[in-house]
């Protein structure tokens, strides 16, 4: 890391009170209660109710993606 990069990094650490990397999802139940139809991430980011959610599995060997679930 160069001296200017280190200086920039230390400056950012000084001015940022806290950096949060917590992306633990909060799954929300819908109607009927057995359905999960919303997910919210910390700081309010997430997928709103009524939006289409698609979940893919990725094969680590070849990178192919397979759609395994979809909520509309």
PDB file of N, CA and C in Angstrom:
ATOM      1  N   UNK A   1       0.850  -1.169   0.000  1.00  0.00           N
ATOM      2  CA  UNK A   1       0.000   0.000   0.000  1.00  0.00           C
ATOM      3  C   UNK A   1       0.898   1.235   0.000  1.00  0.00           C
ATOM      4  N   UNK A   2       0.575   2.189  -0.849  1.00  0.00           N
ATOM      5  CA  UNK A   2       1.392   3.396  -0.934  1.00  0.00           C
ATOM      6  C   UNK A   2       1.129   4.307   0.256  1.00  0.00           C
ATOM      7  N   UNK A   3       2.006   5.288   0.430  1.00  0.00           N
ATOM      8  CA  UNK A   3       1.855   6.219   1.546  1.00  0.00           C
ATOM      9  C   UNK A   3       0.563   7.017   1.413  1.00  0.00           C
ATOM     10  N   UNK A   4       0.201   7.421   0.197  1.00  0.00           N
ATOM     11  CA  UNK A   4      -1.037   8.184   0.015  1.00  0.00           C
ATOM     12  C   UNK A   4      -2.262   7.317   0.285  1.00  0.00           C
ATOM     13  N   UNK A   5      -2.204   6.032  -0.087  1.00  0.00           N
ATOM     14  CA  UNK A   5      -3.312   5.120   0.207  1.00  0.00           C
ATOM     15  C   UNK A   5      -3.466   4.923   1.705  1.00  0.00           C
ATOM     16  N   UNK A   6      -2.347   4.767   2.404  1.00  0.00           N
ATOM     17  CA  UNK A   6      -2.397   4.607   3.860  1.00  0.00           C
ATOM     18  C   UNK A   6      -2.966   5.850   4.516  1.00  0.00           C
ATOM     19  N   UNK A   7      -2.558   7.016   4.049  1.00  0.00           N
ATOM     20  CA  UNK A   7      -3.062   8.270   4.621  1.00  0.00           C
ATOM     21  C   UNK A   7      -4.561   8.387   4.407  1.00  0.00           C
ATOM     22  N   UNK A   8      -5.030   8.032   3.222  1.00  0.00           N
ATOM     23  CA  UNK A   8      -6.463   8.096   2.935  1.00  0.00           C
ATOM     24  C   UNK A   8      -7.230   7.121   3.814  1.00  0.00           C
ATOM     25  N   UNK A   9      -6.687   5.933   4.000  1.00  0.00           N
ATOM     26  CA  UNK A   9      -7.335   4.934   4.839  1.00  0.00           C
ATOM     27  C   UNK A   9      -7.442   5.406   6.283  1.00  0.00           C
ATOM     28  N   UNK A  10      -6.355   5.934   6.834  1.00  0.00           N
ATOM     29  CA  UNK A  10      -6.392   6.428   8.211  1.00  0.00           C
ATOM     30  C   UNK A  10      -7.339   7.618   8.347  1.00  0.00           C
ATOM     31  N   UNK A  11      -7.417   8.467   7.330  1.00  0.00           N
ATOM     32  CA  UNK A  11      -8.347   9.594   7.367  1.00  0.00           C
ATOM     33  C   UNK A  11      -9.787   9.093   7.415  1.00  0.00           C
ATOM     34  N   UNK A  12     -10.109   8.099   6.584  1.00  0.00           N
ATOM     35  CA  UNK A  12     -11.468   7.557   6.583  1.00  0.00           C
ATOM     36  C   UNK A  12     -11.817   6.914   7.917  1.00  0.00           C
ATOM     37  N   UNK A  13     -10.876   6.191   8.496  1.00  0.00           N
ATOM     38  CA  UNK A  13     -11.118   5.578   9.807  1.00  0.00           C
ATOM     39  C   UNK A  13     -11.395   6.649  10.853  1.00  0.00           C
ATOM     40  N   UNK A  14     -10.693   7.756  10.771  1.00  0.00           N
ATOM     41  CA  UNK A  14     -10.857   8.840  11.739  1.00  0.00           C
ATOM     42  C   UNK A  14     -12.228   9.500  11.622  1.00  0.00           C
ATOM     43  N   UNK A  15     -12.715   9.738  10.399  1.00  0.00           N
ATOM     44  CA  UNK A  15     -13.968  10.481  10.248  1.00  0.00           C
ATOM     45  C   UNK A  15     -15.201   9.591  10.332  1.00  0.00           C
ATOM     46  N   UNK A  16     -15.051   8.291  10.126  1.00  0.00           N
ATOM     47  CA  UNK A  16     -16.194   7.384  10.188  1.00  0.00           C
ATOM     48  C   UNK A  16     -16.372   6.922  11.629  1.00  0.00           C
ATOM     49  N   UNK A  17     -17.554   7.164  12.173  1.00  0.00           N
ATOM     50  CA  UNK A  17     -17.778   6.738  13.553  1.00  0.00           C
ATOM     51  C   UNK A  17     -17.908   5.220  13.642  1.00  0.00           C
ATOM     52  N   UNK A  18     -18.511   4.624  12.629  1.00  0.00           N
ATOM     53  CA  UNK A  18     -18.666   3.176  12.634  1.00  0.00           C
ATOM     54  C   UNK A  18     -18.977   2.710  11.217  1.00  0.00           C
ATOM     55  N   UNK A  19     -18.374   1.636  10.829  1.00  0.00           N
ATOM     56  CA  UNK A  19     -18.669   1.037   9.539  1.00  0.00           C
ATOM     57  C   UNK A  19     -19.349  -0.295   9.815  1.00  0.00           C
ATOM     58  N   UNK A  20     -20.510  -0.501   9.226  1.00  0.00           N
ATOM     59  CA  UNK A  20     -21.283  -1.714   9.475  1.00  0.00           C
ATOM     60  C   UNK A  20     -21.291  -2.583   8.219  1.00  0.00           C
ATOM     61  N   UNK A  21     -20.813  -3.807   8.350  1.00  0.00           N
ATOM     62  CA  UNK A  21     -20.826  -4.745   7.242  1.00  0.00           C
ATOM     63  C   UNK A  21     -21.812  -5.876   7.511  1.00  0.00           C
ATOM     64  N   UNK A  22     -22.784  -5.645   8.392  1.00  0.00           N
ATOM     65  CA  UNK A  22     -23.753  -6.676   8.743  1.00  0.00           C
ATOM     66  C   UNK A  22     -24.851  -6.720   7.686  1.00  0.00           C
ATOM     67  N   UNK A  23     -24.884  -7.777   6.911  1.00  0.00           N
ATOM     68  CA  UNK A  23     -25.922  -7.950   5.905  1.00  0.00           C
ATOM     69  C   UNK A  23     -26.804  -9.146   6.238  1.00  0.00           C
ATOM     70  N   UNK A  24     -26.963  -9.437   7.534  1.00  0.00           N
ATOM     71  CA  UNK A  24     -27.801 -10.545   7.965  1.00  0.00           C
ATOM     72  C   UNK A  24     -29.252 -10.243   7.603  1.00  0.00           C
ATOM     73  N   UNK A  25     -29.892 -11.091   6.805  1.00  0.00           N
ATOM     74  CA  UNK A  25     -31.259 -10.796   6.377  1.00  0.00           C
ATOM     75  C   UNK A  25     -32.271 -11.009   7.491  1.00  0.00           C
ATOM     76  N   UNK A  26     -33.322 -10.203   7.463  1.00  0.00           N
ATOM     77  CA  UNK A  26     -34.464 -10.355   8.360  1.00  0.00           C
ATOM     78  C   UNK A  26     -35.642 -10.761   7.482  1.00  0.00           C
ATOM     79  N   UNK A  27     -35.972 -12.050   7.500  1.00  0.00           N
ATOM     80  CA  UNK A  27     -37.040 -12.566   6.654  1.00  0.00           C
ATOM     81  C   UNK A  27     -38.376 -12.248   7.302  1.00  0.00           C
ATOM     82  N   UNK A  28     -39.326 -11.716   6.541  1.00  0.00           N
ATOM     83  CA  UNK A  28     -40.644 -11.311   7.044  1.00  0.00           C
ATOM     84  C   UNK A  28     -41.722 -12.233   6.470  1.00  0.00           C
ATOM     85  N   UNK A  29     -42.632 -12.623   7.319  1.00  0.00           N
ATOM     86  CA  UNK A  29     -43.722 -13.508   6.895  1.00  0.00           C
ATOM     87  C   UNK A  29     -44.845 -12.690   6.258  1.00  0.00           C
ATOM     88  N   UNK A  30     -45.562 -13.335   5.342  1.00  0.00           N
ATOM     89  CA  UNK A  30     -46.650 -12.663   4.639  1.00  0.00           C
ATOM     90  C   UNK A  30     -47.994 -13.249   5.008  1.00  0.00           C
ATOM     91  N   UNK A  31     -48.877 -13.309   4.020  1.00  0.00           N
ATOM     92  CA  UNK A  31     -50.220 -13.811   4.235  1.00  0.00           C
ATOM     93  C   UNK A  31     -50.477 -14.890   3.190  1.00  0.00           C
ATOM     94  N   UNK A  32     -50.672 -16.141   3.547  1.00  0.00           N
ATOM     95  CA  UNK A  32     -50.725 -16.677   4.903  1.00  0.00           C
ATOM     96  C   UNK A  32     -49.350 -16.676   5.568  1.00  0.00           C
ATOM     97  N   UNK A  33     -49.358 -16.867   6.853  1.00  0.00           N
ATOM     98  CA  UNK A  33     -48.151 -16.746   7.665  1.00  0.00           C
ATOM     99  C   UNK A  33     -47.068 -17.757   7.286  1.00  0.00           C
ATOM    100  N   UNK A  34     -47.427 -18.798   6.564  1.00  0.00           N
ATOM    101  CA  UNK A  34     -46.428 -19.803   6.178  1.00  0.00           C
ATOM    102  C   UNK A  34     -45.545 -19.320   5.026  1.00  0.00           C
ATOM    103  N   UNK A  35     -45.921 -18.230   4.369  1.00  0.00           N
ATOM    104  CA  UNK A  35     -45.127 -17.680   3.265  1.00  0.00           C
ATOM    105  C   UNK A  35     -44.160 -16.623   3.756  1.00  0.00           C
ATOM    106  N   UNK A  36     -42.986 -16.600   3.159  1.00  0.00           N
ATOM    107  CA  UNK A  36     -42.028 -15.515   3.393  1.00  0.00           C
ATOM    108  C   UNK A  36     -42.063 -14.658   2.143  1.00  0.00           C
ATOM    109  N   UNK A  37     -42.465 -13.384   2.272  1.00  0.00           N
ATOM    110  CA  UNK A  37     -42.602 -12.561   1.077  1.00  0.00           C
ATOM    111  C   UNK A  37     -41.839 -11.246   1.149  1.00  0.00           C
ATOM    112  N   UNK A  38     -40.950 -11.107   2.125  1.00  0.00           N
ATOM    113  CA  UNK A  38     -40.145  -9.896   2.180  1.00  0.00           C
ATOM    114  C   UNK A  38     -38.863 -10.192   2.944  1.00  0.00           C
ATOM    115  N   UNK A  39     -37.783  -9.575   2.531  1.00  0.00           N
ATOM    116  CA  UNK A  39     -36.525  -9.666   3.261  1.00  0.00           C
ATOM    117  C   UNK A  39     -36.004  -8.250   3.421  1.00  0.00           C
ATOM    118  N   UNK A  40     -35.520  -7.930   4.618  1.00  0.00           N
ATOM    119  CA  UNK A  40     -34.973  -6.603   4.879  1.00  0.00           C
ATOM    120  C   UNK A  40     -33.573  -6.762   5.450  1.00  0.00           C
ATOM    121  N   UNK A  41     -32.659  -5.950   4.945  1.00  0.00           N
ATOM    122  CA  UNK A  41     -31.289  -5.941   5.435  1.00  0.00           C
ATOM    123  C   UNK A  41     -31.106  -4.741   6.350  1.00  0.00           C
ATOM    124  N   UNK A  42     -30.073  -4.740   7.199  1.00  0.00           N
ATOM    125  CA  UNK A  42     -29.857  -3.608   8.092  1.00  0.00           C
ATOM    126  C   UNK A  42     -29.852  -2.280   7.336  1.00  0.00           C
ATOM    127  N   UNK A  43     -30.215  -1.234   8.023  1.00  0.00           N
ATOM    128  CA  UNK A  43     -30.313   0.125   7.489  1.00  0.00           C
ATOM    129  C   UNK A  43     -31.450   0.271   6.494  1.00  0.00           C
ATOM    130  N   UNK A  44     -32.412  -0.656   6.508  1.00  0.00           N
ATOM    131  CA  UNK A  44     -33.593  -0.520   5.677  1.00  0.00           C
ATOM    132  C   UNK A  44     -33.460  -0.987   4.246  1.00  0.00           C
ATOM    133  N   UNK A  45     -32.288  -1.466   3.851  1.00  0.00           N
ATOM    134  CA  UNK A  45     -32.135  -1.949   2.484  1.00  0.00           C
ATOM    135  C   UNK A  45     -32.710  -3.345   2.371  1.00  0.00           C
ATOM    136  N   UNK A  46     -33.287  -3.661   1.245  1.00  0.00           N
ATOM    137  CA  UNK A  46     -33.822  -4.994   1.063  1.00  0.00           C
ATOM    138  C   UNK A  46     -34.781  -5.053  -0.105  1.00  0.00           C
ATOM    139  N   UNK A  47     -35.616  -6.068  -0.118  1.00  0.00           N
ATOM    140  CA  UNK A  47     -36.586  -6.276  -1.177  1.00  0.00           C
ATOM    141  C   UNK A  47     -37.961  -6.012  -0.595  1.00  0.00           C
ATOM    142  N   UNK A  48     -38.663  -5.050  -1.162  1.00  0.00           N
ATOM    143  CA  UNK A  48     -39.979  -4.688  -0.638  1.00  0.00           C
ATOM    144  C   UNK A  48     -41.024  -5.720  -1.029  1.00  0.00           C
ATOM    145  N   UNK A  49     -42.087  -5.760  -0.238  1.00  0.00           N
ATOM    146  CA  UNK A  49     -43.200  -6.641  -0.527  1.00  0.00           C
ATOM    147  C   UNK A  49     -43.783  -6.248  -1.882  1.00  0.00           C
ATOM    148  N   UNK A  50     -44.110  -7.230  -2.678  1.00  0.00           N
ATOM    149  CA  UNK A  50     -44.648  -6.964  -4.004  1.00  0.00           C
ATOM    150  C   UNK A  50     -43.601  -7.023  -5.097  1.00  0.00           C
ATOM    151  N   UNK A  51     -42.324  -7.011  -4.732  1.00  0.00           N
ATOM    152  CA  UNK A  51     -41.250  -7.127  -5.716  1.00  0.00           C
ATOM    153  C   UNK A  51     -40.958  -8.601  -5.978  1.00  0.00           C
ATOM    154  N   UNK A  52     -40.514  -8.898  -7.180  1.00  0.00           N
ATOM    155  CA  UNK A  52     -40.150 -10.270  -7.516  1.00  0.00           C
ATOM    156  C   UNK A  52     -38.797 -10.609  -6.901  1.00  0.00           C
ATOM    157  N   UNK A  53     -38.741 -11.757  -6.241  1.00  0.00           N
ATOM    158  CA  UNK A  53     -37.501 -12.248  -5.643  1.00  0.00           C
ATOM    159  C   UNK A  53     -37.118 -13.521  -6.384  1.00  0.00           C
ATOM    160  N   UNK A  54     -35.893 -13.585  -6.860  1.00  0.00           N
ATOM    161  CA  UNK A  54     -35.401 -14.782  -7.526  1.00  0.00           C
ATOM    162  C   UNK A  54     -34.147 -15.256  -6.808  1.00  0.00           C
ATOM    163  N   UNK A  55     -34.079 -16.566  -6.568  1.00  0.00           N
ATOM    164  CA  UNK A  55     -32.925 -17.143  -5.881  1.00  0.00           C
ATOM    165  C   UNK A  55     -32.256 -18.140  -6.818  1.00  0.00           C
ATOM    166  N   UNK A  56     -30.954 -17.970  -6.960  1.00  0.00           N
ATOM    167  CA  UNK A  56     -30.168 -18.822  -7.848  1.00  0.00           C
ATOM    168  C   UNK A  56     -29.138 -19.602  -7.041  1.00  0.00           C
ATOM    169  N   UNK A  57     -28.884 -20.828  -7.484  1.00  0.00           N
ATOM    170  CA  UNK A  57     -27.755 -21.609  -6.975  1.00  0.00           C
ATOM    171  C   UNK A  57     -26.668 -21.528  -8.042  1.00  0.00           C
ATOM    172  N   UNK A  58     -25.431 -21.323  -7.607  1.00  0.00           N
ATOM    173  CA  UNK A  58     -24.316 -21.201  -8.540  1.00  0.00           C
ATOM    174  C   UNK A  58     -23.405 -22.412  -8.380  1.00  0.00           C
ATOM    175  N   UNK A  59     -23.168 -23.099  -9.491  1.00  0.00           N
ATOM    176  CA  UNK A  59     -22.260 -24.240  -9.497  1.00  0.00           C
ATOM    177  C   UNK A  59     -20.832 -23.711  -9.381  1.00  0.00           C
ATOM    178  N   UNK A  60     -20.114 -24.051  -8.299  1.00  0.00           N
ATOM    179  CA  UNK A  60     -18.774 -23.498  -8.110  1.00  0.00           C
ATOM    180  C   UNK A  60     -17.753 -24.003  -9.136  1.00  0.00           C
ATOM    181  N   UNK A  61     -18.043 -25.128  -9.784  1.00  0.00           N
ATOM    182  CA  UNK A  61     -17.092 -25.675 -10.755  1.00  0.00           C
ATOM    183  C   UNK A  61     -17.093 -24.921 -12.080  1.00  0.00           C
ATOM    184  N   UNK A  62     -18.296 -24.597 -12.581  1.00  0.00           N
ATOM    185  CA  UNK A  62     -18.357 -23.952 -13.896  1.00  0.00           C
ATOM    186  C   UNK A  62     -19.022 -22.575 -13.885  1.00  0.00           C
ATOM    187  N   UNK A  63     -19.558 -22.157 -12.727  1.00  0.00           N
ATOM    188  CA  UNK A  63     -20.170 -20.833 -12.629  1.00  0.00           C
ATOM    189  C   UNK A  63     -21.582 -20.750 -13.177  1.00  0.00           C
ATOM    190  N   UNK A  64     -22.147 -21.870 -13.650  1.00  0.00           N
ATOM    191  CA  UNK A  64     -23.522 -21.851 -14.154  1.00  0.00           C
ATOM    192  C   UNK A  64     -24.494 -21.517 -13.030  1.00  0.00           C
ATOM    193  N   UNK A  65     -25.513 -20.721 -13.369  1.00  0.00           N
ATOM    194  CA  UNK A  65     -26.528 -20.317 -12.397  1.00  0.00           C
ATOM    195  C   UNK A  65     -27.824 -21.066 -12.687  1.00  0.00           C
ATOM    196  N   UNK A  66     -28.475 -21.538 -11.611  1.00  0.00           N
ATOM    197  CA  UNK A  66     -29.720 -22.278 -11.742  1.00  0.00           C
ATOM    198  C   UNK A  66     -30.775 -21.615 -10.867  1.00  0.00           C
ATOM    199  N   UNK A  67     -31.882 -21.214 -11.495  1.00  0.00           N
ATOM    200  CA  UNK A  67     -32.990 -20.613 -10.760  1.00  0.00           C
ATOM    201  C   UNK A  67     -33.655 -21.701  -9.926  1.00  0.00           C
ATOM    202  N   UNK A  68     -33.686 -21.512  -8.602  1.00  0.00           N
ATOM    203  CA  UNK A  68     -34.267 -22.544  -7.738  1.00  0.00           C
ATOM    204  C   UNK A  68     -35.543 -22.084  -7.054  1.00  0.00           C
ATOM    205  N   UNK A  69     -35.804 -20.769  -7.008  1.00  0.00           N
ATOM    206  CA  UNK A  69     -37.028 -20.269  -6.379  1.00  0.00           C
ATOM    207  C   UNK A  69     -37.343 -18.887  -6.924  1.00  0.00           C
ATOM    208  N   UNK A  70     -38.653 -18.584  -6.996  1.00  0.00           N
ATOM    209  CA  UNK A  70     -39.089 -17.260  -7.446  1.00  0.00           C
ATOM    210  C   UNK A  70     -40.382 -16.898  -6.715  1.00  0.00           C
ATOM    211  N   UNK A  71     -40.404 -15.709  -6.153  1.00  0.00           N
ATOM    212  CA  UNK A  71     -41.611 -15.165  -5.547  1.00  0.00           C
ATOM    213  C   UNK A  71     -42.013 -13.937  -6.346  1.00  0.00           C
ATOM    214  N   UNK A  72     -43.277 -13.858  -6.735  1.00  0.00           N
ATOM    215  CA  UNK A  72     -43.750 -12.703  -7.508  1.00  0.00           C
ATOM    216  C   UNK A  72     -44.748 -11.896  -6.706  1.00  0.00           C
TER     217      UNK A  72
END
